[in-house]
């Protein structure tokens, strides 16, 4: 066989780290959302954001927190919904959504 040989250890590292990344991301989203819930749009404007930017941040984290809750089994979603609609505005260029 030519090229890199895939091993059980490599697969374990790959699948384990990806699963851990998701768990850590869910936790971080919940922490950011909890903080944002204590901030009014005006508070974010006072930090230098425009009203539209502040609204985008709050909307993105409302969606991301709901996605995290669904992913952790704490909520359900009946209809298809793209939870990245506002988050895509935050993650910048070069990252594409893989939703199909």
PDB file of N, CA and C in Angstrom:
ATOM      1  N   UNK A   1       0.845  -1.176   0.000  1.00  0.00           N
ATOM      2  CA  UNK A   1       0.000   0.000   0.000  1.00  0.00           C
ATOM      3  C   UNK A   1       0.890   1.238   0.000  1.00  0.00           C
ATOM      4  N   UNK A   2       0.475   2.263  -0.725  1.00  0.00           N
ATOM      5  CA  UNK A   2       1.243   3.487  -0.858  1.00  0.00           C
ATOM      6  C   UNK A   2       0.627   4.569   0.035  1.00  0.00           C
ATOM      7  N   UNK A   3       1.454   5.467   0.525  1.00  0.00           N
ATOM      8  CA  UNK A   3       0.963   6.612   1.288  1.00  0.00           C
ATOM      9  C   UNK A   3       0.846   6.314   2.772  1.00  0.00           C
ATOM     10  N   UNK A   4       0.189   7.199   3.448  1.00  0.00           N
ATOM     11  CA  UNK A   4       0.036   7.074   4.892  1.00  0.00           C
ATOM     12  C   UNK A   4      -0.880   5.901   5.209  1.00  0.00           C
ATOM     13  N   UNK A   5      -0.431   5.080   6.105  1.00  0.00           N
ATOM     14  CA  UNK A   5      -1.216   3.931   6.533  1.00  0.00           C
ATOM     15  C   UNK A   5      -2.114   4.353   7.700  1.00  0.00           C
ATOM     16  N   UNK A   6      -3.394   4.163   7.541  1.00  0.00           N
ATOM     17  CA  UNK A   6      -4.340   4.516   8.588  1.00  0.00           C
ATOM     18  C   UNK A   6      -4.301   3.438   9.662  1.00  0.00           C
ATOM     19  N   UNK A   7      -4.211   3.894  10.902  1.00  0.00           N
ATOM     20  CA  UNK A   7      -4.173   2.954  12.028  1.00  0.00           C
ATOM     21  C   UNK A   7      -5.371   3.188  12.938  1.00  0.00           C
ATOM     22  N   UNK A   8      -5.615   2.211  13.784  1.00  0.00           N
ATOM     23  CA  UNK A   8      -6.672   2.334  14.778  1.00  0.00           C
ATOM     24  C   UNK A   8      -6.415   3.549  15.668  1.00  0.00           C
ATOM     25  N   UNK A   9      -5.176   3.769  16.060  1.00  0.00           N
ATOM     26  CA  UNK A   9      -4.830   4.901  16.919  1.00  0.00           C
ATOM     27  C   UNK A   9      -5.155   6.226  16.224  1.00  0.00           C
ATOM     28  N   UNK A  10      -4.860   6.344  14.923  1.00  0.00           N
ATOM     29  CA  UNK A  10      -5.177   7.565  14.183  1.00  0.00           C
ATOM     30  C   UNK A  10      -6.682   7.796  14.114  1.00  0.00           C
ATOM     31  N   UNK A  11      -7.424   6.739  13.849  1.00  0.00           N
ATOM     32  CA  UNK A  11      -8.880   6.868  13.783  1.00  0.00           C
ATOM     33  C   UNK A  11      -9.434   7.253  15.148  1.00  0.00           C
ATOM     34  N   UNK A  12      -8.930   6.617  16.212  1.00  0.00           N
ATOM     35  CA  UNK A  12      -9.379   6.973  17.558  1.00  0.00           C
ATOM     36  C   UNK A  12      -9.097   8.441  17.864  1.00  0.00           C
ATOM     37  N   UNK A  13      -7.931   8.931  17.492  1.00  0.00           N
ATOM     38  CA  UNK A  13      -7.583  10.333  17.711  1.00  0.00           C
ATOM     39  C   UNK A  13      -8.525  11.249  16.933  1.00  0.00           C
ATOM     40  N   UNK A  14      -8.783  10.899  15.695  1.00  0.00           N
ATOM     41  CA  UNK A  14      -9.633  11.704  14.829  1.00  0.00           C
ATOM     42  C   UNK A  14     -11.065  11.770  15.340  1.00  0.00           C
ATOM     43  N   UNK A  15     -11.669  10.600  15.581  1.00  0.00           N
ATOM     44  CA  UNK A  15     -13.065  10.592  16.012  1.00  0.00           C
ATOM     45  C   UNK A  15     -13.215  11.124  17.435  1.00  0.00           C
ATOM     46  N   UNK A  16     -12.251  10.822  18.285  1.00  0.00           N
ATOM     47  CA  UNK A  16     -12.311  11.318  19.657  1.00  0.00           C
ATOM     48  C   UNK A  16     -12.161  12.821  19.738  1.00  0.00           C
ATOM     49  N   UNK A  17     -11.200  13.369  19.008  1.00  0.00           N
ATOM     50  CA  UNK A  17     -10.987  14.818  19.066  1.00  0.00           C
ATOM     51  C   UNK A  17     -12.143  15.575  18.419  1.00  0.00           C
ATOM     52  N   UNK A  18     -12.729  15.042  17.355  1.00  0.00           N
ATOM     53  CA  UNK A  18     -13.880  15.697  16.731  1.00  0.00           C
ATOM     54  C   UNK A  18     -15.073  15.719  17.692  1.00  0.00           C
ATOM     55  N   UNK A  19     -15.320  14.602  18.377  1.00  0.00           N
ATOM     56  CA  UNK A  19     -16.417  14.543  19.346  1.00  0.00           C
ATOM     57  C   UNK A  19     -16.169  15.502  20.504  1.00  0.00           C
ATOM     58  N   UNK A  20     -14.937  15.559  20.987  1.00  0.00           N
ATOM     59  CA  UNK A  20     -14.593  16.479  22.067  1.00  0.00           C
ATOM     60  C   UNK A  20     -14.745  17.930  21.612  1.00  0.00           C
ATOM     61  N   UNK A  21     -14.338  18.232  20.384  1.00  0.00           N
ATOM     62  CA  UNK A  21     -14.504  19.590  19.845  1.00  0.00           C
ATOM     63  C   UNK A  21     -15.970  20.020  19.879  1.00  0.00           C
ATOM     64  N   UNK A  22     -16.872  19.105  19.516  1.00  0.00           N
ATOM     65  CA  UNK A  22     -18.301  19.417  19.533  1.00  0.00           C
ATOM     66  C   UNK A  22     -18.764  19.695  20.961  1.00  0.00           C
ATOM     67  N   UNK A  23     -18.381  18.846  21.896  1.00  0.00           N
ATOM     68  CA  UNK A  23     -18.779  19.036  23.294  1.00  0.00           C
ATOM     69  C   UNK A  23     -18.257  20.361  23.841  1.00  0.00           C
ATOM     70  N   UNK A  24     -17.004  20.678  23.549  1.00  0.00           N
ATOM     71  CA  UNK A  24     -16.423  21.937  24.011  1.00  0.00           C
ATOM     72  C   UNK A  24     -17.103  23.139  23.350  1.00  0.00           C
ATOM     73  N   UNK A  25     -17.433  23.005  22.076  1.00  0.00           N
ATOM     74  CA  UNK A  25     -18.124  24.089  21.373  1.00  0.00           C
ATOM     75  C   UNK A  25     -19.516  24.312  21.966  1.00  0.00           C
ATOM     76  N   UNK A  26     -20.257  23.231  22.246  1.00  0.00           N
ATOM     77  CA  UNK A  26     -21.574  23.374  22.873  1.00  0.00           C
ATOM     78  C   UNK A  26     -21.447  24.128  24.196  1.00  0.00           C
ATOM     79  N   UNK A  27     -20.462  23.761  24.994  1.00  0.00           N
ATOM     80  CA  UNK A  27     -20.276  24.402  26.290  1.00  0.00           C
ATOM     81  C   UNK A  27     -19.913  25.883  26.122  1.00  0.00           C
ATOM     82  N   UNK A  28     -19.007  26.161  25.206  1.00  0.00           N
ATOM     83  CA  UNK A  28     -18.592  27.552  24.986  1.00  0.00           C
ATOM     84  C   UNK A  28     -19.747  28.404  24.480  1.00  0.00           C
ATOM     85  N   UNK A  29     -20.543  27.866  23.577  1.00  0.00           N
ATOM     86  CA  UNK A  29     -21.714  28.584  23.070  1.00  0.00           C
ATOM     87  C   UNK A  29     -22.663  28.903  24.225  1.00  0.00           C
ATOM     88  N   UNK A  30     -22.904  27.937  25.100  1.00  0.00           N
ATOM     89  CA  UNK A  30     -23.788  28.170  26.244  1.00  0.00           C
ATOM     90  C   UNK A  30     -23.232  29.264  27.150  1.00  0.00           C
ATOM     91  N   UNK A  31     -21.916  29.296  27.349  1.00  0.00           N
ATOM     92  CA  UNK A  31     -21.298  30.319  28.195  1.00  0.00           C
ATOM     93  C   UNK A  31     -21.426  31.711  27.563  1.00  0.00           C
ATOM     94  N   UNK A  32     -21.138  31.802  26.272  1.00  0.00           N
ATOM     95  CA  UNK A  32     -21.243  33.092  25.585  1.00  0.00           C
ATOM     96  C   UNK A  32     -22.695  33.571  25.596  1.00  0.00           C
ATOM     97  N   UNK A  33     -23.627  32.665  25.300  1.00  0.00           N
ATOM     98  CA  UNK A  33     -25.054  33.026  25.287  1.00  0.00           C
ATOM     99  C   UNK A  33     -25.487  33.502  26.668  1.00  0.00           C
ATOM    100  N   UNK A  34     -25.045  32.850  27.736  1.00  0.00           N
ATOM    101  CA  UNK A  34     -25.402  33.276  29.095  1.00  0.00           C
ATOM    102  C   UNK A  34     -24.900  34.697  29.353  1.00  0.00           C
ATOM    103  N   UNK A  35     -23.697  35.001  28.906  1.00  0.00           N
ATOM    104  CA  UNK A  35     -23.177  36.359  29.082  1.00  0.00           C
ATOM    105  C   UNK A  35     -23.957  37.353  28.230  1.00  0.00           C
ATOM    106  N   UNK A  36     -24.207  36.998  26.965  1.00  0.00           N
ATOM    107  CA  UNK A  36     -24.949  37.897  26.081  1.00  0.00           C
ATOM    108  C   UNK A  36     -26.347  38.189  26.628  1.00  0.00           C
ATOM    109  N   UNK A  37     -26.935  37.212  27.318  1.00  0.00           N
ATOM    110  CA  UNK A  37     -28.261  37.427  27.890  1.00  0.00           C
ATOM    111  C   UNK A  37     -28.252  38.523  28.950  1.00  0.00           C
ATOM    112  N   UNK A  38     -27.101  38.835  29.501  1.00  0.00           N
ATOM    113  CA  UNK A  38     -27.005  39.906  30.503  1.00  0.00           C
ATOM    114  C   UNK A  38     -26.721  41.259  29.860  1.00  0.00           C
ATOM    115  N   UNK A  39     -26.533  41.269  28.550  1.00  0.00           N
ATOM    116  CA  UNK A  39     -26.164  42.484  27.837  1.00  0.00           C
ATOM    117  C   UNK A  39     -27.297  42.936  26.917  1.00  0.00           C
ATOM    118  N   UNK A  40     -27.671  44.189  27.035  1.00  0.00           N
ATOM    119  CA  UNK A  40     -28.626  44.769  26.088  1.00  0.00           C
ATOM    120  C   UNK A  40     -27.864  45.175  24.829  1.00  0.00           C
ATOM    121  N   UNK A  41     -28.586  45.357  23.749  1.00  0.00           N
ATOM    122  CA  UNK A  41     -27.962  45.838  22.512  1.00  0.00           C
ATOM    123  C   UNK A  41     -27.187  47.126  22.802  1.00  0.00           C
ATOM    124  N   UNK A  42     -27.749  47.978  23.627  1.00  0.00           N
ATOM    125  CA  UNK A  42     -27.095  49.250  23.964  1.00  0.00           C
ATOM    126  C   UNK A  42     -25.750  49.027  24.666  1.00  0.00           C
ATOM    127  N   UNK A  43     -25.663  47.973  25.465  1.00  0.00           N
ATOM    128  CA  UNK A  43     -24.394  47.655  26.135  1.00  0.00           C
ATOM    129  C   UNK A  43     -23.319  47.299  25.110  1.00  0.00           C
ATOM    130  N   UNK A  44     -23.709  46.549  24.094  1.00  0.00           N
ATOM    131  CA  UNK A  44     -22.759  46.165  23.053  1.00  0.00           C
ATOM    132  C   UNK A  44     -22.395  47.368  22.178  1.00  0.00           C
ATOM    133  N   UNK A  45     -23.369  48.243  21.948  1.00  0.00           N
ATOM    134  CA  UNK A  45     -23.097  49.473  21.196  1.00  0.00           C
ATOM    135  C   UNK A  45     -22.079  50.320  21.967  1.00  0.00           C
ATOM    136  N   UNK A  46     -22.215  50.372  23.283  1.00  0.00           N
ATOM    137  CA  UNK A  46     -21.275  51.143  24.101  1.00  0.00           C
ATOM    138  C   UNK A  46     -19.853  50.576  24.020  1.00  0.00           C
ATOM    139  N   UNK A  47     -19.735  49.297  23.661  1.00  0.00           N
ATOM    140  CA  UNK A  47     -18.421  48.677  23.493  1.00  0.00           C
ATOM    141  C   UNK A  47     -17.840  48.913  22.101  1.00  0.00           C
ATOM    142  N   UNK A  48     -18.637  49.526  21.209  1.00  0.00           N
ATOM    143  CA  UNK A  48     -18.125  49.860  19.888  1.00  0.00           C
ATOM    144  C   UNK A  48     -18.810  49.162  18.726  1.00  0.00           C
ATOM    145  N   UNK A  49     -19.776  48.293  19.003  1.00  0.00           N
ATOM    146  CA  UNK A  49     -20.520  47.642  17.931  1.00  0.00           C
ATOM    147  C   UNK A  49     -21.634  48.556  17.455  1.00  0.00           C
ATOM    148  N   UNK A  50     -22.020  48.415  16.191  1.00  0.00           N
ATOM    149  CA  UNK A  50     -23.219  49.107  15.722  1.00  0.00           C
ATOM    150  C   UNK A  50     -24.430  48.332  16.249  1.00  0.00           C
ATOM    151  N   UNK A  51     -25.597  48.951  16.159  1.00  0.00           N
ATOM    152  CA  UNK A  51     -26.810  48.245  16.578  1.00  0.00           C
ATOM    153  C   UNK A  51     -27.015  46.977  15.757  1.00  0.00           C
ATOM    154  N   UNK A  52     -26.742  47.061  14.442  1.00  0.00           N
ATOM    155  CA  UNK A  52     -26.907  45.895  13.569  1.00  0.00           C
ATOM    156  C   UNK A  52     -25.921  44.787  13.944  1.00  0.00           C
ATOM    157  N   UNK A  53     -24.672  45.138  14.216  1.00  0.00           N
ATOM    158  CA  UNK A  53     -23.681  44.138  14.630  1.00  0.00           C
ATOM    159  C   UNK A  53     -24.087  43.480  15.942  1.00  0.00           C
ATOM    160  N   UNK A  54     -24.539  44.269  16.886  1.00  0.00           N
ATOM    161  CA  UNK A  54     -24.969  43.725  18.177  1.00  0.00           C
ATOM    162  C   UNK A  54     -26.156  42.788  17.995  1.00  0.00           C
ATOM    163  N   UNK A  55     -27.108  43.185  17.157  1.00  0.00           N
ATOM    164  CA  UNK A  55     -28.274  42.337  16.891  1.00  0.00           C
ATOM    165  C   UNK A  55     -27.853  41.036  16.212  1.00  0.00           C
ATOM    166  N   UNK A  56     -26.898  41.119  15.299  1.00  0.00           N
ATOM    167  CA  UNK A  56     -26.397  39.916  14.626  1.00  0.00           C
ATOM    168  C   UNK A  56     -25.743  38.963  15.625  1.00  0.00           C
ATOM    169  N   UNK A  57     -24.919  39.493  16.514  1.00  0.00           N
ATOM    170  CA  UNK A  57     -24.267  38.664  17.530  1.00  0.00           C
ATOM    171  C   UNK A  57     -25.314  37.974  18.402  1.00  0.00           C
ATOM    172  N   UNK A  58     -26.289  38.735  18.878  1.00  0.00           N
ATOM    173  CA  UNK A  58     -27.311  38.165  19.754  1.00  0.00           C
ATOM    174  C   UNK A  58     -28.144  37.118  19.013  1.00  0.00           C
ATOM    175  N   UNK A  59     -28.484  37.384  17.752  1.00  0.00           N
ATOM    176  CA  UNK A  59     -29.252  36.415  16.964  1.00  0.00           C
ATOM    177  C   UNK A  59     -28.446  35.155  16.700  1.00  0.00           C
ATOM    178  N   UNK A  60     -27.175  35.324  16.368  1.00  0.00           N
ATOM    179  CA  UNK A  60     -26.315  34.171  16.090  1.00  0.00           C
ATOM    180  C   UNK A  60     -26.227  33.265  17.316  1.00  0.00           C
ATOM    181  N   UNK A  61     -26.044  33.855  18.479  1.00  0.00           N
ATOM    182  CA  UNK A  61     -25.893  33.028  19.674  1.00  0.00           C
ATOM    183  C   UNK A  61     -27.209  32.473  20.188  1.00  0.00           C
ATOM    184  N   UNK A  62     -28.328  33.110  19.868  1.00  0.00           N
ATOM    185  CA  UNK A  62     -29.620  32.504  20.167  1.00  0.00           C
ATOM    186  C   UNK A  62     -29.769  31.220  19.344  1.00  0.00           C
ATOM    187  N   UNK A  63     -29.424  31.302  18.056  1.00  0.00           N
ATOM    188  CA  UNK A  63     -29.495  30.126  17.182  1.00  0.00           C
ATOM    189  C   UNK A  63     -28.497  29.049  17.610  1.00  0.00           C
ATOM    190  N   UNK A  64     -27.251  29.446  17.871  1.00  0.00           N
ATOM    191  CA  UNK A  64     -26.228  28.470  18.237  1.00  0.00           C
ATOM    192  C   UNK A  64     -26.554  27.785  19.562  1.00  0.00           C
ATOM    193  N   UNK A  65     -27.080  28.545  20.515  1.00  0.00           N
ATOM    194  CA  UNK A  65     -27.450  27.950  21.802  1.00  0.00           C
ATOM    195  C   UNK A  65     -28.605  26.962  21.623  1.00  0.00           C
ATOM    196  N   UNK A  66     -29.531  27.283  20.754  1.00  0.00           N
ATOM    197  CA  UNK A  66     -30.644  26.353  20.479  1.00  0.00           C
ATOM    198  C   UNK A  66     -30.115  25.095  19.803  1.00  0.00           C
ATOM    199  N   UNK A  67     -29.193  25.250  18.858  1.00  0.00           N
ATOM    200  CA  UNK A  67     -28.593  24.083  18.201  1.00  0.00           C
ATOM    201  C   UNK A  67     -27.847  23.220  19.221  1.00  0.00           C
ATOM    202  N   UNK A  68     -27.134  23.865  20.134  1.00  0.00           N
ATOM    203  CA  UNK A  68     -26.425  23.115  21.173  1.00  0.00           C
ATOM    204  C   UNK A  68     -27.406  22.375  22.069  1.00  0.00           C
ATOM    205  N   UNK A  69     -28.502  23.025  22.440  1.00  0.00           N
ATOM    206  CA  UNK A  69     -29.506  22.376  23.283  1.00  0.00           C
ATOM    207  C   UNK A  69     -30.119  21.171  22.572  1.00  0.00           C
ATOM    208  N   UNK A  70     -30.390  21.312  21.292  1.00  0.00           N
ATOM    209  CA  UNK A  70     -30.929  20.194  20.512  1.00  0.00           C
ATOM    210  C   UNK A  70     -29.892  19.074  20.443  1.00  0.00           C
ATOM    211  N   UNK A  71     -28.641  19.452  20.178  1.00  0.00           N
ATOM    212  CA  UNK A  71     -27.575  18.457  20.094  1.00  0.00           C
ATOM    213  C   UNK A  71     -27.358  17.702  21.392  1.00  0.00           C
ATOM    214  N   UNK A  72     -27.660  18.351  22.515  1.00  0.00           N
ATOM    215  CA  UNK A  72     -27.480  17.725  23.818  1.00  0.00           C
ATOM    216  C   UNK A  72     -28.778  17.087  24.328  1.00  0.00           C
ATOM    217  N   UNK A  73     -29.816  17.111  23.504  1.00  0.00           N
ATOM    218  CA  UNK A  73     -31.065  16.457  23.868  1.00  0.00           C
ATOM    219  C   UNK A  73     -31.950  17.262  24.806  1.00  0.00           C
ATOM    220  N   UNK A  74     -31.660  18.553  24.981  1.00  0.00           N
ATOM    221  CA  UNK A  74     -32.444  19.384  25.885  1.00  0.00           C
ATOM    222  C   UNK A  74     -33.571  20.122  25.160  1.00  0.00           C
ATOM    223  N   UNK A  75     -33.648  19.998  23.849  1.00  0.00           N
ATOM    224  CA  UNK A  75     -34.671  20.669  23.060  1.00  0.00           C
ATOM    225  C   UNK A  75     -34.880  19.842  21.794  1.00  0.00           C
ATOM    226  N   UNK A  76     -35.941  20.119  21.081  1.00  0.00           N
ATOM    227  CA  UNK A  76     -36.219  19.432  19.815  1.00  0.00           C
ATOM    228  C   UNK A  76     -36.524  20.467  18.744  1.00  0.00           C
ATOM    229  N   UNK A  77     -36.330  20.072  17.502  1.00  0.00           N
ATOM    230  CA  UNK A  77     -36.615  20.932  16.361  1.00  0.00           C
ATOM    231  C   UNK A  77     -37.467  20.137  15.396  1.00  0.00           C
ATOM    232  N   UNK A  78     -38.677  20.615  15.140  1.00  0.00           N
ATOM    233  CA  UNK A  78     -39.586  19.885  14.264  1.00  0.00           C
ATOM    234  C   UNK A  78     -39.356  20.123  12.789  1.00  0.00           C
ATOM    235  N   UNK A  79     -39.039  21.332  12.428  1.00  0.00           N
ATOM    236  CA  UNK A  79     -38.868  21.696  11.024  1.00  0.00           C
ATOM    237  C   UNK A  79     -37.400  21.967  10.727  1.00  0.00           C
ATOM    238  N   UNK A  80     -36.962  21.740   9.489  1.00  0.00           N
ATOM    239  CA  UNK A  80     -35.583  22.075   9.142  1.00  0.00           C
ATOM    240  C   UNK A  80     -35.319  23.566   9.367  1.00  0.00           C
ATOM    241  N   UNK A  81     -34.163  23.865   9.918  1.00  0.00           N
ATOM    242  CA  UNK A  81     -33.788  25.248  10.200  1.00  0.00           C
ATOM    243  C   UNK A  81     -32.276  25.348  10.147  1.00  0.00           C
ATOM    244  N   UNK A  82     -31.770  26.359   9.461  1.00  0.00           N
ATOM    245  CA  UNK A  82     -30.329  26.571   9.371  1.00  0.00           C
ATOM    246  C   UNK A  82     -29.886  27.426  10.556  1.00  0.00           C
ATOM    247  N   UNK A  83     -29.301  26.783  11.553  1.00  0.00           N
ATOM    248  CA  UNK A  83     -28.858  27.477  12.758  1.00  0.00           C
ATOM    249  C   UNK A  83     -27.606  28.321  12.513  1.00  0.00           C
ATOM    250  N   UNK A  84     -27.075  28.300  11.306  1.00  0.00           N
ATOM    251  CA  UNK A  84     -25.864  29.071  11.003  1.00  0.00           C
ATOM    252  C   UNK A  84     -26.147  30.354  10.229  1.00  0.00           C
ATOM    253  N   UNK A  85     -27.411  30.683  10.014  1.00  0.00           N
ATOM    254  CA  UNK A  85     -27.752  31.865   9.221  1.00  0.00           C
ATOM    255  C   UNK A  85     -27.029  33.107   9.715  1.00  0.00           C
ATOM    256  N   UNK A  86     -27.096  33.385  11.003  1.00  0.00           N
ATOM    257  CA  UNK A  86     -26.435  34.565  11.561  1.00  0.00           C
ATOM    258  C   UNK A  86     -24.981  34.269  11.910  1.00  0.00           C
ATOM    259  N   UNK A  87     -24.678  33.057  12.343  1.00  0.00           N
ATOM    260  CA  UNK A  87     -23.305  32.698  12.713  1.00  0.00           C
ATOM    261  C   UNK A  87     -22.359  32.835  11.529  1.00  0.00           C
ATOM    262  N   UNK A  88     -22.835  32.546  10.311  1.00  0.00           N
ATOM    263  CA  UNK A  88     -21.977  32.689   9.126  1.00  0.00           C
ATOM    264  C   UNK A  88     -21.466  34.110   8.986  1.00  0.00           C
ATOM    265  N   UNK A  89     -22.229  35.071   9.485  1.00  0.00           N
ATOM    266  CA  UNK A  89     -21.793  36.470   9.428  1.00  0.00           C
ATOM    267  C   UNK A  89     -20.649  36.727  10.407  1.00  0.00           C
ATOM    268  N   UNK A  90     -20.490  35.862  11.383  1.00  0.00           N
ATOM    269  CA  UNK A  90     -19.454  36.033  12.397  1.00  0.00           C
ATOM    270  C   UNK A  90     -18.173  35.283  12.072  1.00  0.00           C
ATOM    271  N   UNK A  91     -18.254  34.175  11.339  1.00  0.00           N
ATOM    272  CA  UNK A  91     -17.056  33.350  11.188  1.00  0.00           C
ATOM    273  C   UNK A  91     -16.162  33.743  10.037  1.00  0.00           C
ATOM    274  N   UNK A  92     -16.519  34.719   9.277  1.00  0.00           N
ATOM    275  CA  UNK A  92     -15.598  35.291   8.310  1.00  0.00           C
ATOM    276  C   UNK A  92     -15.499  34.551   6.998  1.00  0.00           C
ATOM    277  N   UNK A  93     -14.540  34.991   6.231  1.00  0.00           N
ATOM    278  CA  UNK A  93     -14.336  34.466   4.880  1.00  0.00           C
ATOM    279  C   UNK A  93     -13.634  33.122   4.916  1.00  0.00           C
ATOM    280  N   UNK A  94     -13.854  32.346   3.907  1.00  0.00           N
ATOM    281  CA  UNK A  94     -13.115  31.102   3.735  1.00  0.00           C
ATOM    282  C   UNK A  94     -13.727  29.905   4.413  1.00  0.00           C
ATOM    283  N   UNK A  95     -14.818  30.094   5.160  1.00  0.00           N
ATOM    284  CA  UNK A  95     -15.471  28.963   5.807  1.00  0.00           C
ATOM    285  C   UNK A  95     -16.849  28.834   5.193  1.00  0.00           C
ATOM    286  N   UNK A  96     -17.109  27.680   4.620  1.00  0.00           N
ATOM    287  CA  UNK A  96     -18.394  27.464   3.974  1.00  0.00           C
ATOM    288  C   UNK A  96     -19.232  26.524   4.814  1.00  0.00           C
ATOM    289  N   UNK A  97     -20.518  26.780   4.813  1.00  0.00           N
ATOM    290  CA  UNK A  97     -21.446  25.869   5.478  1.00  0.00           C
ATOM    291  C   UNK A  97     -21.517  24.592   4.662  1.00  0.00           C
ATOM    292  N   UNK A  98     -21.560  23.469   5.349  1.00  0.00           N
ATOM    293  CA  UNK A  98     -21.643  22.193   4.638  1.00  0.00           C
ATOM    294  C   UNK A  98     -23.047  21.620   4.705  1.00  0.00           C
ATOM    295  N   UNK A  99     -24.003  22.422   5.147  1.00  0.00           N
ATOM    296  CA  UNK A  99     -25.387  21.947   5.193  1.00  0.00           C
ATOM    297  C   UNK A  99     -25.868  21.687   3.774  1.00  0.00           C
ATOM    298  N   UNK A 100     -26.627  20.601   3.628  1.00  0.00           N
ATOM    299  CA  UNK A 100     -27.164  20.311   2.306  1.00  0.00           C
ATOM    300  C   UNK A 100     -28.651  20.263   2.347  1.00  0.00           C
TER     301      UNK A 100
END
